[in-house]
Amino acid sequence: MEVQTSGKPIDSVMERVLCMNILSSDYFKELYRLKTYHDVINEIYNQVDHVEPWMTGNCRGPSTAFCLLYKFLTMKLTVKQMQGLLNHRDSPYIRAVGFLYLRYLGDPKSLWGWFEEYMGDDEEFSPSSSGRVTTMGLYVRDLLLDQHYFDTLLPRIPVPIMRQVSSNLEQLKISTQSSGVTKTGSRHGTEDTAHSRKPPSVKSALSVSFGQRAPHRASTRDSSPVRRNVSTSREGRLCEDDHRVSEHEYRRHRRDQEDDTVGRWDRERSRDRETVGDAFGDRNRDKALDTGRRERDWEEHRNKAKQRKGVKHVR
């Protein structure tokens, strides 16, 4: 019987940029040679020494652990196989990959059932490349309590289920606060990141070929040559291209715009004055014509009246 899953595709539960880097990596392509569940376990035992999502140092690409995790995600493990992973004693990283499989693809309603018996597990290992040691119990608890996992995001657990998880932890008298063994809640700097944090340029270059910003790395928003036309700001950019202008150029551009606007307003006012002046001129001209016509009519009428009176007097 297969492990009960959420039914969602892998690229919807794992961050897209991480998925794309895994699928395009040379190491993951080599994993096609691994045909069985035991082949993947042996590869984890021989190759994995941390379970961060990204490679450390100046290397660019997904970690070995997450490439093998993705391999497992495509295999649809059975309940018996999953139990074998979680209880494996040859390497804690085999167990950690099993818990990550459940956290990514497992049905949220079934997570507590899988994780409960391991909350007090005291096997020690280092989930990060920094060498910081923790216990499997704290690691499993953090997987449930927090959505952040090193430099990536885990699938969101619905609020009602999280409330039930917290209630179950309280009944076991276990803290409901994350211990931070996966650098949770301090992704921009922790006590051990001074010597373990990747250089910014590494994460900045991870998603260049995909036209997508590396996850949670705001400084890379404009560093990718593919994403040159990300939303342009009216105040920060003058045109549709991606080149940032200096403050002097920006002010000069705004001043030119204001001068053009003022000039346009002056021209419009002048044109309005001319239009109004023409209207008043036409009105005065019409009034003068009407007055002259009335005066001529009145003079003609008076002359005719005088002529009639003269004719009567002659008679």
C-alpha atoms as a PDB file:
ATOM      1  CA  MET A   1       0.000   0.000   0.000  1.00  0.00           C
ATOM      2  CA  GLU A   2       1.362   3.408  -0.984  1.00  0.00           C
ATOM      3  CA  VAL A   3       1.938   6.198   1.506  1.00  0.00           C
ATOM      4  CA  GLN A   4      -1.108   8.459   1.698  1.00  0.00           C
ATOM      5  CA  THR A   5      -0.238  11.694  -0.097  1.00  0.00           C
ATOM      6  CA  SER A   6      -1.819  15.081  -0.634  1.00  0.00           C
ATOM      7  CA  GLY A   7      -2.317  14.258  -4.316  1.00  0.00           C
ATOM      8  CA  LYS A   8      -0.529  17.397  -5.455  1.00  0.00           C
ATOM      9  CA  PRO A   9       2.217  17.337  -8.136  1.00  0.00           C
ATOM     10  CA  ILE A  10       5.797  17.728  -6.995  1.00  0.00           C
ATOM     11  CA  ASP A  11       6.284  21.152  -8.590  1.00  0.00           C
ATOM     12  CA  SER A  12       3.350  22.520  -6.597  1.00  0.00           C
ATOM     13  CA  VAL A  13       4.652  21.418  -3.177  1.00  0.00           C
ATOM     14  CA  MET A  14       8.315  22.233  -3.787  1.00  0.00           C
ATOM     15  CA  GLU A  15       9.479  25.702  -4.800  1.00  0.00           C
ATOM     16  CA  ARG A  16       9.584  26.009  -8.564  1.00  0.00           C
ATOM     17  CA  VAL A  17      13.127  27.338  -8.830  1.00  0.00           C
ATOM     18  CA  LEU A  18      14.397  24.450  -6.706  1.00  0.00           C
ATOM     19  CA  CYS A  19      12.525  21.902  -8.833  1.00  0.00           C
ATOM     20  CA  MET A  20      13.876  23.353 -12.058  1.00  0.00           C
ATOM     21  CA  ASN A  21      17.433  23.365 -10.750  1.00  0.00           C
ATOM     22  CA  ILE A  22      17.101  19.745  -9.641  1.00  0.00           C
ATOM     23  CA  LEU A  23      15.689  18.574 -12.973  1.00  0.00           C
ATOM     24  CA  SER A  24      18.398  20.371 -14.929  1.00  0.00           C
ATOM     25  CA  SER A  25      21.330  19.288 -12.761  1.00  0.00           C
ATOM     26  CA  ASP A  26      23.825  16.787 -14.146  1.00  0.00           C
ATOM     27  CA  TYR A  27      23.784  14.790 -10.913  1.00  0.00           C
ATOM     28  CA  PHE A  28      20.025  14.252 -11.012  1.00  0.00           C
ATOM     29  CA  LYS A  29      20.273  13.068 -14.604  1.00  0.00           C
ATOM     30  CA  GLU A  30      22.804  10.482 -13.459  1.00  0.00           C
ATOM     31  CA  LEU A  31      20.255   9.163 -10.960  1.00  0.00           C
ATOM     32  CA  TYR A  32      18.240   7.602 -13.802  1.00  0.00           C
ATOM     33  CA  ARG A  33      20.590   4.659 -13.392  1.00  0.00           C
ATOM     34  CA  LEU A  34      19.091   4.024  -9.935  1.00  0.00           C
ATOM     35  CA  LYS A  35      16.157   1.725 -10.533  1.00  0.00           C
ATOM     36  CA  THR A  36      15.196   0.487  -7.080  1.00  0.00           C
ATOM     37  CA  TYR A  37      14.391   1.800  -3.629  1.00  0.00           C
ATOM     38  CA  HIS A  38      17.531   0.187  -2.194  1.00  0.00           C
ATOM     39  CA  ASP A  39      19.714   1.772  -4.876  1.00  0.00           C
ATOM     40  CA  VAL A  40      18.602   5.225  -3.758  1.00  0.00           C
ATOM     41  CA  ILE A  41      19.185   4.370  -0.089  1.00  0.00           C
ATOM     42  CA  ASN A  42      22.733   3.252  -0.870  1.00  0.00           C
ATOM     43  CA  GLU A  43      23.345   6.501  -2.763  1.00  0.00           C
ATOM     44  CA  ILE A  44      22.140   8.518   0.243  1.00  0.00           C
ATOM     45  CA  TYR A  45      24.415   6.549   2.539  1.00  0.00           C
ATOM     46  CA  ASN A  46      27.464   7.121   0.339  1.00  0.00           C
ATOM     47  CA  GLN A  47      26.909  10.708  -0.838  1.00  0.00           C
ATOM     48  CA  VAL A  48      24.783  12.742   1.593  1.00  0.00           C
ATOM     49  CA  ASP A  49      26.366  14.648   4.478  1.00  0.00           C
ATOM     50  CA  HIS A  50      23.702  17.326   5.028  1.00  0.00           C
ATOM     51  CA  VAL A  51      20.039  17.878   4.115  1.00  0.00           C
ATOM     52  CA  GLU A  52      20.039  21.524   3.077  1.00  0.00           C
ATOM     53  CA  PRO A  53      18.279  22.175  -0.248  1.00  0.00           C
ATOM     54  CA  TRP A  54      21.258  23.888  -1.906  1.00  0.00           C
ATOM     55  CA  MET A  55      24.908  22.985  -2.334  1.00  0.00           C
ATOM     56  CA  THR A  56      27.359  24.746  -0.072  1.00  0.00           C
ATOM     57  CA  GLY A  57      30.392  26.893  -0.804  1.00  0.00           C
ATOM     58  CA  ASN A  58      30.741  28.391  -4.263  1.00  0.00           C
ATOM     59  CA  CYS A  59      28.971  25.514  -5.993  1.00  0.00           C
ATOM     60  CA  ARG A  60      25.820  26.368  -7.878  1.00  0.00           C
ATOM     61  CA  GLY A  61      22.961  23.916  -7.807  1.00  0.00           C
ATOM     62  CA  PRO A  62      20.684  21.771  -5.660  1.00  0.00           C
ATOM     63  CA  SER A  63      22.156  19.574  -2.966  1.00  0.00           C
ATOM     64  CA  THR A  64      22.733  15.840  -3.334  1.00  0.00           C
ATOM     65  CA  ALA A  65      20.156  15.189  -0.614  1.00  0.00           C
ATOM     66  CA  PHE A  66      17.388  17.056  -2.433  1.00  0.00           C
ATOM     67  CA  CYS A  67      18.200  15.441  -5.770  1.00  0.00           C
ATOM     68  CA  LEU A  68      17.786  12.038  -4.099  1.00  0.00           C
ATOM     69  CA  LEU A  69      14.675  13.260  -2.289  1.00  0.00           C
ATOM     70  CA  TYR A  70      13.199  14.260  -5.646  1.00  0.00           C
ATOM     71  CA  LYS A  71      14.093  10.807  -6.951  1.00  0.00           C
ATOM     72  CA  PHE A  72      12.100   9.268  -4.102  1.00  0.00           C
ATOM     73  CA  LEU A  73       9.189  11.663  -4.727  1.00  0.00           C
ATOM     74  CA  THR A  74       8.890  10.274  -8.252  1.00  0.00           C
ATOM     75  CA  MET A  75       8.866   6.656  -7.007  1.00  0.00           C
ATOM     76  CA  LYS A  76       5.702   6.744  -4.843  1.00  0.00           C
ATOM     77  CA  LEU A  77       6.942   4.823  -1.832  1.00  0.00           C
ATOM     78  CA  THR A  78       4.891   2.241   0.005  1.00  0.00           C
ATOM     79  CA  VAL A  79       4.124   2.302   3.724  1.00  0.00           C
ATOM     80  CA  LYS A  80       6.619  -0.523   4.333  1.00  0.00           C
ATOM     81  CA  GLN A  81       9.350   1.320   2.425  1.00  0.00           C
ATOM     82  CA  MET A  82       8.665   4.505   4.369  1.00  0.00           C
ATOM     83  CA  GLN A  83       8.897   2.672   7.671  1.00  0.00           C
ATOM     84  CA  GLY A  84      12.219   1.287   6.487  1.00  0.00           C
ATOM     85  CA  LEU A  85      13.476   4.824   5.784  1.00  0.00           C
ATOM     86  CA  LEU A  86      12.345   6.324   9.091  1.00  0.00           C
ATOM     87  CA  ASN A  87      13.843   3.497  11.146  1.00  0.00           C
ATOM     88  CA  HIS A  88      17.062   3.068   9.177  1.00  0.00           C
ATOM     89  CA  ARG A  89      20.101   2.936  11.448  1.00  0.00           C
ATOM     90  CA  ASP A  90      22.943   3.119   8.946  1.00  0.00           C
ATOM     91  CA  SER A  91      22.704   6.884   8.448  1.00  0.00           C
ATOM     92  CA  PRO A  92      20.569   9.630  10.023  1.00  0.00           C
ATOM     93  CA  TYR A  93      20.441  11.313   6.608  1.00  0.00           C
ATOM     94  CA  ILE A  94      18.473   8.377   5.212  1.00  0.00           C
ATOM     95  CA  ARG A  95      15.929   8.985   7.967  1.00  0.00           C
ATOM     96  CA  ALA A  96      15.941  12.752   7.373  1.00  0.00           C
ATOM     97  CA  VAL A  97      15.205  12.266   3.670  1.00  0.00           C
ATOM     98  CA  GLY A  98      12.272  10.037   4.678  1.00  0.00           C
ATOM     99  CA  PHE A  99      10.835  12.739   6.941  1.00  0.00           C
ATOM    100  CA  LEU A 100      11.284  15.309   4.162  1.00  0.00           C
ATOM    101  CA  TYR A 101       9.412  13.011   1.774  1.00  0.00           C
ATOM    102  CA  LEU A 102       6.447  12.953   4.170  1.00  0.00           C
ATOM    103  CA  ARG A 103       6.621  16.697   4.821  1.00  0.00           C
ATOM    104  CA  TYR A 104       6.536  17.490   1.110  1.00  0.00           C
ATOM    105  CA  LEU A 105       4.223  14.880  -0.319  1.00  0.00           C
ATOM    106  CA  GLY A 106       2.379  13.349   2.630  1.00  0.00           C
ATOM    107  CA  ASP A 107      -1.227  14.091   3.446  1.00  0.00           C
ATOM    108  CA  PRO A 108      -1.160  16.801   6.164  1.00  0.00           C
ATOM    109  CA  LYS A 109      -3.779  14.877   8.139  1.00  0.00           C
ATOM    110  CA  SER A 110      -1.471  11.866   8.387  1.00  0.00           C
ATOM    111  CA  LEU A 111       1.731  13.709   9.342  1.00  0.00           C
ATOM    112  CA  TRP A 112       1.244  13.516  13.096  1.00  0.00           C
ATOM    113  CA  GLY A 113       0.627   9.792  12.868  1.00  0.00           C
ATOM    114  CA  TRP A 114       3.987   9.361  11.150  1.00  0.00           C
ATOM    115  CA  PHE A 115       5.986  11.831  13.271  1.00  0.00           C
ATOM    116  CA  GLU A 116       4.611  11.282  16.774  1.00  0.00           C
ATOM    117  CA  GLU A 117       6.826   8.364  17.848  1.00  0.00           C
ATOM    118  CA  TYR A 118       9.980  10.222  16.776  1.00  0.00           C
ATOM    119  CA  MET A 119       9.423  13.397  18.806  1.00  0.00           C
ATOM    120  CA  GLY A 120      11.721  12.124  21.528  1.00  0.00           C
ATOM    121  CA  ASP A 121      14.294  10.537  19.199  1.00  0.00           C
ATOM    122  CA  ASP A 122      17.740  11.383  20.567  1.00  0.00           C
ATOM    123  CA  GLU A 123      19.908  10.316  17.609  1.00  0.00           C
ATOM    124  CA  GLU A 124      22.321  13.147  16.921  1.00  0.00           C
ATOM    125  CA  PHE A 125      23.249  14.457  13.479  1.00  0.00           C
ATOM    126  CA  SER A 126      23.924  17.713  11.637  1.00  0.00           C
ATOM    127  CA  PRO A 127      21.159  18.664   9.158  1.00  0.00           C
ATOM    128  CA  SER A 128      23.175  21.660   7.905  1.00  0.00           C
ATOM    129  CA  SER A 129      26.614  21.927   6.371  1.00  0.00           C
ATOM    130  CA  SER A 130      27.774  24.053   9.305  1.00  0.00           C
ATOM    131  CA  GLY A 131      28.233  21.013  11.512  1.00  0.00           C
ATOM    132  CA  ARG A 132      25.730  22.222  14.106  1.00  0.00           C
ATOM    133  CA  VAL A 133      24.498  19.086  15.848  1.00  0.00           C
ATOM    134  CA  THR A 134      20.910  18.486  16.903  1.00  0.00           C
ATOM    135  CA  THR A 135      18.698  15.508  17.634  1.00  0.00           C
ATOM    136  CA  MET A 136      16.347  13.809  15.230  1.00  0.00           C
ATOM    137  CA  GLY A 137      13.459  14.622  17.575  1.00  0.00           C
ATOM    138  CA  LEU A 138      14.088  18.395  17.364  1.00  0.00           C
ATOM    139  CA  TYR A 139      14.558  18.155  13.611  1.00  0.00           C
ATOM    140  CA  VAL A 140      11.240  16.329  13.156  1.00  0.00           C
ATOM    141  CA  ARG A 141       9.434  18.783  15.419  1.00  0.00           C
ATOM    142  CA  ASP A 142      10.755  21.754  13.423  1.00  0.00           C
ATOM    143  CA  LEU A 143       9.590  20.163  10.177  1.00  0.00           C
ATOM    144  CA  LEU A 144       6.059  20.204  11.566  1.00  0.00           C
ATOM    145  CA  LEU A 145       6.070  23.563  13.306  1.00  0.00           C
ATOM    146  CA  ASP A 146       7.616  25.781  10.678  1.00  0.00           C
ATOM    147  CA  GLN A 147       7.117  26.343   6.967  1.00  0.00           C
ATOM    148  CA  HIS A 148      10.639  27.710   6.469  1.00  0.00           C
ATOM    149  CA  TYR A 149      13.415  25.216   5.818  1.00  0.00           C
ATOM    150  CA  PHE A 150      16.876  26.717   5.267  1.00  0.00           C
ATOM    151  CA  ASP A 151      16.602  28.647   1.960  1.00  0.00           C
ATOM    152  CA  THR A 152      13.313  27.214   0.795  1.00  0.00           C
ATOM    153  CA  LEU A 153       9.682  26.780   1.822  1.00  0.00           C
ATOM    154  CA  LEU A 154       7.857  23.655   2.895  1.00  0.00           C
ATOM    155  CA  PRO A 155       4.207  23.055   1.952  1.00  0.00           C
ATOM    156  CA  ARG A 156       1.742  24.904   4.141  1.00  0.00           C
ATOM    157  CA  ILE A 157      -0.060  22.825   6.754  1.00  0.00           C
ATOM    158  CA  PRO A 158      -3.718  23.905   7.215  1.00  0.00           C
ATOM    159  CA  VAL A 159      -4.419  25.883  10.392  1.00  0.00           C
ATOM    160  CA  PRO A 160      -6.853  23.355  11.958  1.00  0.00           C
ATOM    161  CA  ILE A 161      -4.251  20.603  11.578  1.00  0.00           C
ATOM    162  CA  MET A 162      -1.541  22.825  13.064  1.00  0.00           C
ATOM    163  CA  ARG A 163      -3.767  23.514  16.060  1.00  0.00           C
ATOM    164  CA  GLN A 164      -4.191  19.805  16.584  1.00  0.00           C
ATOM    165  CA  VAL A 165      -0.422  19.271  16.289  1.00  0.00           C
ATOM    166  CA  SER A 166       0.198  21.955  18.930  1.00  0.00           C
ATOM    167  CA  SER A 167      -2.392  20.374  21.196  1.00  0.00           C
ATOM    168  CA  ASN A 168      -0.760  16.966  20.804  1.00  0.00           C
ATOM    169  CA  LEU A 169       2.659  18.420  21.610  1.00  0.00           C
ATOM    170  CA  GLU A 170       1.299  20.078  24.747  1.00  0.00           C
ATOM    171  CA  GLN A 171      -0.150  16.767  25.879  1.00  0.00           C
ATOM    172  CA  LEU A 172       3.294  15.228  25.471  1.00  0.00           C
ATOM    173  CA  LYS A 173       4.759  18.208  27.379  1.00  0.00           C
ATOM    174  CA  ILE A 174       6.872  19.191  24.383  1.00  0.00           C
ATOM    175  CA  SER A 175       7.442  22.816  23.405  1.00  0.00           C
ATOM    176  CA  THR A 176       5.283  24.110  20.579  1.00  0.00           C
ATOM    177  CA  GLN A 177       7.975  26.581  19.519  1.00  0.00           C
ATOM    178  CA  SER A 178      10.486  25.827  16.785  1.00  0.00           C
ATOM    179  CA  SER A 179      14.021  25.180  18.040  1.00  0.00           C
ATOM    180  CA  GLY A 180      15.617  26.728  14.951  1.00  0.00           C
ATOM    181  CA  VAL A 181      17.777  23.741  13.997  1.00  0.00           C
ATOM    182  CA  THR A 182      17.071  24.469  10.339  1.00  0.00           C
ATOM    183  CA  LYS A 183      17.799  28.205  10.770  1.00  0.00           C
ATOM    184  CA  THR A 184      14.069  28.796  10.974  1.00  0.00           C
ATOM    185  CA  GLY A 185      12.999  32.360  11.618  1.00  0.00           C
ATOM    186  CA  SER A 186      16.505  33.805  11.066  1.00  0.00           C
ATOM    187  CA  ARG A 187      17.171  33.279   7.423  1.00  0.00           C
ATOM    188  CA  HIS A 188      19.172  36.467   7.072  1.00  0.00           C
ATOM    189  CA  GLY A 189      21.641  35.623   9.775  1.00  0.00           C
ATOM    190  CA  THR A 190      22.042  33.264  12.718  1.00  0.00           C
ATOM    191  CA  GLU A 191      24.719  32.509  15.212  1.00  0.00           C
ATOM    192  CA  ASP A 192      26.365  30.073  12.839  1.00  0.00           C
ATOM    193  CA  THR A 193      25.742  31.741   9.507  1.00  0.00           C
ATOM    194  CA  ALA A 194      28.912  33.776   9.710  1.00  0.00           C
ATOM    195  CA  HIS A 195      30.848  30.755   8.501  1.00  0.00           C
ATOM    196  CA  SER A 196      28.130  28.698   6.845  1.00  0.00           C
ATOM    197  CA  ARG A 197      26.077  31.165   4.818  1.00  0.00           C
ATOM    198  CA  LYS A 198      26.434  30.906   1.048  1.00  0.00           C
ATOM    199  CA  PRO A 199      27.840  33.937  -0.779  1.00  0.00           C
ATOM    200  CA  PRO A 200      25.016  36.058  -2.232  1.00  0.00           C
ATOM    201  CA  SER A 201      26.378  35.546  -5.727  1.00  0.00           C
ATOM    202  CA  VAL A 202      25.720  31.812  -5.503  1.00  0.00           C
ATOM    203  CA  LYS A 203      21.987  32.137  -4.935  1.00  0.00           C
ATOM    204  CA  SER A 204      21.822  35.072  -7.325  1.00  0.00           C
ATOM    205  CA  ALA A 205      23.052  32.881 -10.162  1.00  0.00           C
ATOM    206  CA  LEU A 206      20.929  29.829  -9.427  1.00  0.00           C
ATOM    207  CA  SER A 207      17.873  30.893 -11.399  1.00  0.00           C
ATOM    208  CA  VAL A 208      19.474  32.960 -14.164  1.00  0.00           C
ATOM    209  CA  SER A 209      18.851  30.360 -16.848  1.00  0.00           C
ATOM    210  CA  PHE A 210      15.218  29.978 -15.797  1.00  0.00           C
ATOM    211  CA  GLY A 211      14.241  33.647 -15.844  1.00  0.00           C
ATOM    212  CA  GLN A 212      13.150  33.467 -12.238  1.00  0.00           C
ATOM    213  CA  ARG A 213      14.331  35.041  -9.006  1.00  0.00           C
ATOM    214  CA  ALA A 214      16.106  32.688  -6.617  1.00  0.00           C
ATOM    215  CA  PRO A 215      13.867  31.932  -3.612  1.00  0.00           C
ATOM    216  CA  HIS A 216      13.852  34.467  -0.780  1.00  0.00           C
ATOM    217  CA  ARG A 217      16.747  36.423  -2.213  1.00  0.00           C
ATOM    218  CA  ALA A 218      15.377  39.903  -2.858  1.00  0.00           C
ATOM    219  CA  SER A 219      18.764  41.200  -3.977  1.00  0.00           C
ATOM    220  CA  THR A 220      18.599  39.024  -7.084  1.00  0.00           C
ATOM    221  CA  ARG A 221      15.421  40.600  -8.399  1.00  0.00           C
ATOM    222  CA  ASP A 222      17.326  42.688 -10.935  1.00  0.00           C
ATOM    223  CA  SER A 223      20.424  40.501 -11.255  1.00  0.00           C
ATOM    224  CA  SER A 224      19.001  37.994 -13.716  1.00  0.00           C
ATOM    225  CA  PRO A 225      19.514  39.020 -17.360  1.00  0.00           C
ATOM    226  CA  VAL A 226      16.350  37.137 -18.264  1.00  0.00           C
ATOM    227  CA  ARG A 227      14.090  39.114 -15.951  1.00  0.00           C
ATOM    228  CA  ARG A 228      15.033  42.549 -17.223  1.00  0.00           C
ATOM    229  CA  ASN A 229      11.473  43.815 -17.507  1.00  0.00           C
ATOM    230  CA  VAL A 230      10.150  43.116 -14.038  1.00  0.00           C
ATOM    231  CA  SER A 231       7.556  45.690 -12.945  1.00  0.00           C
ATOM    232  CA  THR A 232       8.889  49.178 -13.647  1.00  0.00           C
ATOM    233  CA  SER A 233       8.292  51.876 -11.033  1.00  0.00           C
ATOM    234  CA  ARG A 234       7.106  55.311 -12.048  1.00  0.00           C
ATOM    235  CA  GLU A 235       9.299  56.950  -9.424  1.00  0.00           C
ATOM    236  CA  GLY A 236      12.351  54.769  -9.849  1.00  0.00           C
ATOM    237  CA  ARG A 237      12.515  54.220 -13.628  1.00  0.00           C
ATOM    238  CA  LEU A 238      11.873  56.528 -16.544  1.00  0.00           C
ATOM    239  CA  CYS A 239      11.072  54.009 -19.292  1.00  0.00           C
ATOM    240  CA  GLU A 240      10.254  50.355 -19.917  1.00  0.00           C
ATOM    241  CA  ASP A 241      13.853  49.114 -19.933  1.00  0.00           C
ATOM    242  CA  ASP A 242      15.665  47.823 -16.866  1.00  0.00           C
ATOM    243  CA  HIS A 243      18.405  50.447 -16.555  1.00  0.00           C
ATOM    244  CA  ARG A 244      18.295  52.374 -13.334  1.00  0.00           C
ATOM    245  CA  VAL A 245      18.881  56.098 -13.802  1.00  0.00           C
ATOM    246  CA  SER A 246      20.859  58.355 -11.524  1.00  0.00           C
ATOM    247  CA  GLU A 247      19.098  60.832  -9.276  1.00  0.00           C
ATOM    248  CA  HIS A 248      20.439  63.709 -11.385  1.00  0.00           C
ATOM    249  CA  GLU A 249      19.074  62.240 -14.611  1.00  0.00           C
ATOM    250  CA  TYR A 250      15.753  61.519 -12.964  1.00  0.00           C
ATOM    251  CA  ARG A 251      15.394  65.089 -11.681  1.00  0.00           C
ATOM    252  CA  ARG A 252      16.377  66.488 -15.065  1.00  0.00           C
ATOM    253  CA  HIS A 253      13.783  64.299 -16.741  1.00  0.00           C
ATOM    254  CA  ARG A 254      11.088  65.415 -14.303  1.00  0.00           C
ATOM    255  CA  ARG A 255      12.100  69.075 -14.809  1.00  0.00           C
ATOM    256  CA  ASP A 256      11.833  68.696 -18.566  1.00  0.00           C
ATOM    257  CA  GLN A 257       8.432  67.118 -18.143  1.00  0.00           C
ATOM    258  CA  GLU A 258       7.273  69.990 -15.925  1.00  0.00           C
ATOM    259  CA  ASP A 259       8.595  72.571 -18.438  1.00  0.00           C
ATOM    260  CA  ASP A 260       6.731  70.821 -21.229  1.00  0.00           C
ATOM    261  CA  THR A 261       3.592  70.775 -19.123  1.00  0.00           C
ATOM    262  CA  VAL A 262       3.846  74.473 -18.242  1.00  0.00           C
ATOM    263  CA  GLY A 263       4.499  75.365 -21.872  1.00  0.00           C
ATOM    264  CA  ARG A 264       1.501  73.353 -22.965  1.00  0.00           C
ATOM    265  CA  TRP A 265      -0.675  75.063 -20.374  1.00  0.00           C
ATOM    266  CA  ASP A 266       0.518  78.519 -21.549  1.00  0.00           C
ATOM    267  CA  ARG A 267      -0.297  77.648 -25.137  1.00  0.00           C
ATOM    268  CA  GLU A 268      -3.727  76.411 -24.154  1.00  0.00           C
ATOM    269  CA  ARG A 269      -4.443  79.585 -22.156  1.00  0.00           C
ATOM    270  CA  SER A 270      -3.335  81.756 -25.065  1.00  0.00           C
ATOM    271  CA  ARG A 271      -5.520  79.808 -27.430  1.00  0.00           C
ATOM    272  CA  ASP A 272      -8.451  80.159 -25.028  1.00  0.00           C
ATOM    273  CA  ARG A 273      -7.904  83.914 -24.765  1.00  0.00           C
ATOM    274  CA  GLU A 274      -7.844  84.212 -28.520  1.00  0.00           C
ATOM    275  CA  THR A 275     -11.009  82.142 -28.787  1.00  0.00           C
ATOM    276  CA  VAL A 276     -12.758  84.253 -26.148  1.00  0.00           C
ATOM    277  CA  GLY A 277     -11.504  87.460 -27.776  1.00  0.00           C
ATOM    278  CA  ASP A 278     -12.820  86.354 -31.143  1.00  0.00           C
ATOM    279  CA  ALA A 279     -16.152  85.537 -29.571  1.00  0.00           C
ATOM    280  CA  PHE A 280     -16.384  88.966 -27.913  1.00  0.00           C
ATOM    281  CA  GLY A 281     -15.313  90.649 -31.165  1.00  0.00           C
ATOM    282  CA  ASP A 282     -17.986  88.852 -33.141  1.00  0.00           C
ATOM    283  CA  ARG A 283     -20.584  89.737 -30.528  1.00  0.00           C
ATOM    284  CA  ASN A 284     -19.658  93.438 -30.550  1.00  0.00           C
ATOM    285  CA  ARG A 285     -19.612  93.514 -34.342  1.00  0.00           C
ATOM    286  CA  ASP A 286     -23.059  91.936 -34.509  1.00  0.00           C
ATOM    287  CA  LYS A 287     -24.339  94.407 -31.924  1.00  0.00           C
ATOM    288  CA  ALA A 288     -22.981  97.371 -33.886  1.00  0.00           C
ATOM    289  CA  LEU A 289     -24.582  96.070 -37.078  1.00  0.00           C
ATOM    290  CA  ASP A 290     -27.923  95.647 -35.331  1.00  0.00           C
ATOM    291  CA  THR A 291     -27.727  99.163 -33.892  1.00  0.00           C
ATOM    292  CA  GLY A 292     -26.856 100.674 -37.274  1.00  0.00           C
ATOM    293  CA  ARG A 293     -29.688  98.773 -38.950  1.00  0.00           C
ATOM    294  CA  ARG A 294     -32.196  99.978 -36.358  1.00  0.00           C
ATOM    295  CA  GLU A 295     -31.014 103.579 -36.749  1.00  0.00           C
ATOM    296  CA  ARG A 296     -31.344 103.417 -40.537  1.00  0.00           C
ATOM    297  CA  ASP A 297     -34.818 101.901 -40.247  1.00  0.00           C
ATOM    298  CA  TRP A 298     -35.876 104.596 -37.790  1.00  0.00           C
ATOM    299  CA  GLU A 299     -34.483 107.402 -40.040  1.00  0.00           C
ATOM    300  CA  GLU A 300     -36.221 105.952 -43.073  1.00  0.00           C
ATOM    301  CA  HIS A 301     -39.490 105.691 -41.161  1.00  0.00           C
ATOM    302  CA  ARG A 302     -39.228 109.343 -40.029  1.00  0.00           C
ATOM    303  CA  ASN A 303     -38.544 110.570 -43.557  1.00  0.00           C
ATOM    304  CA  LYS A 304     -41.574 108.712 -44.861  1.00  0.00           C
ATOM    305  CA  ALA A 305     -43.716 110.216 -42.100  1.00  0.00           C
ATOM    306  CA  LYS A 306     -42.552 113.729 -43.042  1.00  0.00           C
ATOM    307  CA  GLN A 307     -43.335 113.089 -46.678  1.00  0.00           C
ATOM    308  CA  ARG A 308     -46.894 112.006 -45.843  1.00  0.00           C
ATOM    309  CA  LYS A 309     -47.454 115.112 -43.742  1.00  0.00           C
ATOM    310  CA  GLY A 310     -46.216 117.362 -46.606  1.00  0.00           C
ATOM    311  CA  VAL A 311     -48.594 115.748 -49.077  1.00  0.00           C
ATOM    312  CA  LYS A 312     -51.551 116.326 -46.753  1.00  0.00           C
ATOM    313  CA  HIS A 313     -50.610 120.013 -46.202  1.00  0.00           C
ATOM    314  CA  VAL A 314     -50.450 120.659 -49.964  1.00  0.00           C
ATOM    315  CA  ARG A 315     -53.925 119.355 -50.441  1.00  0.00           C
END
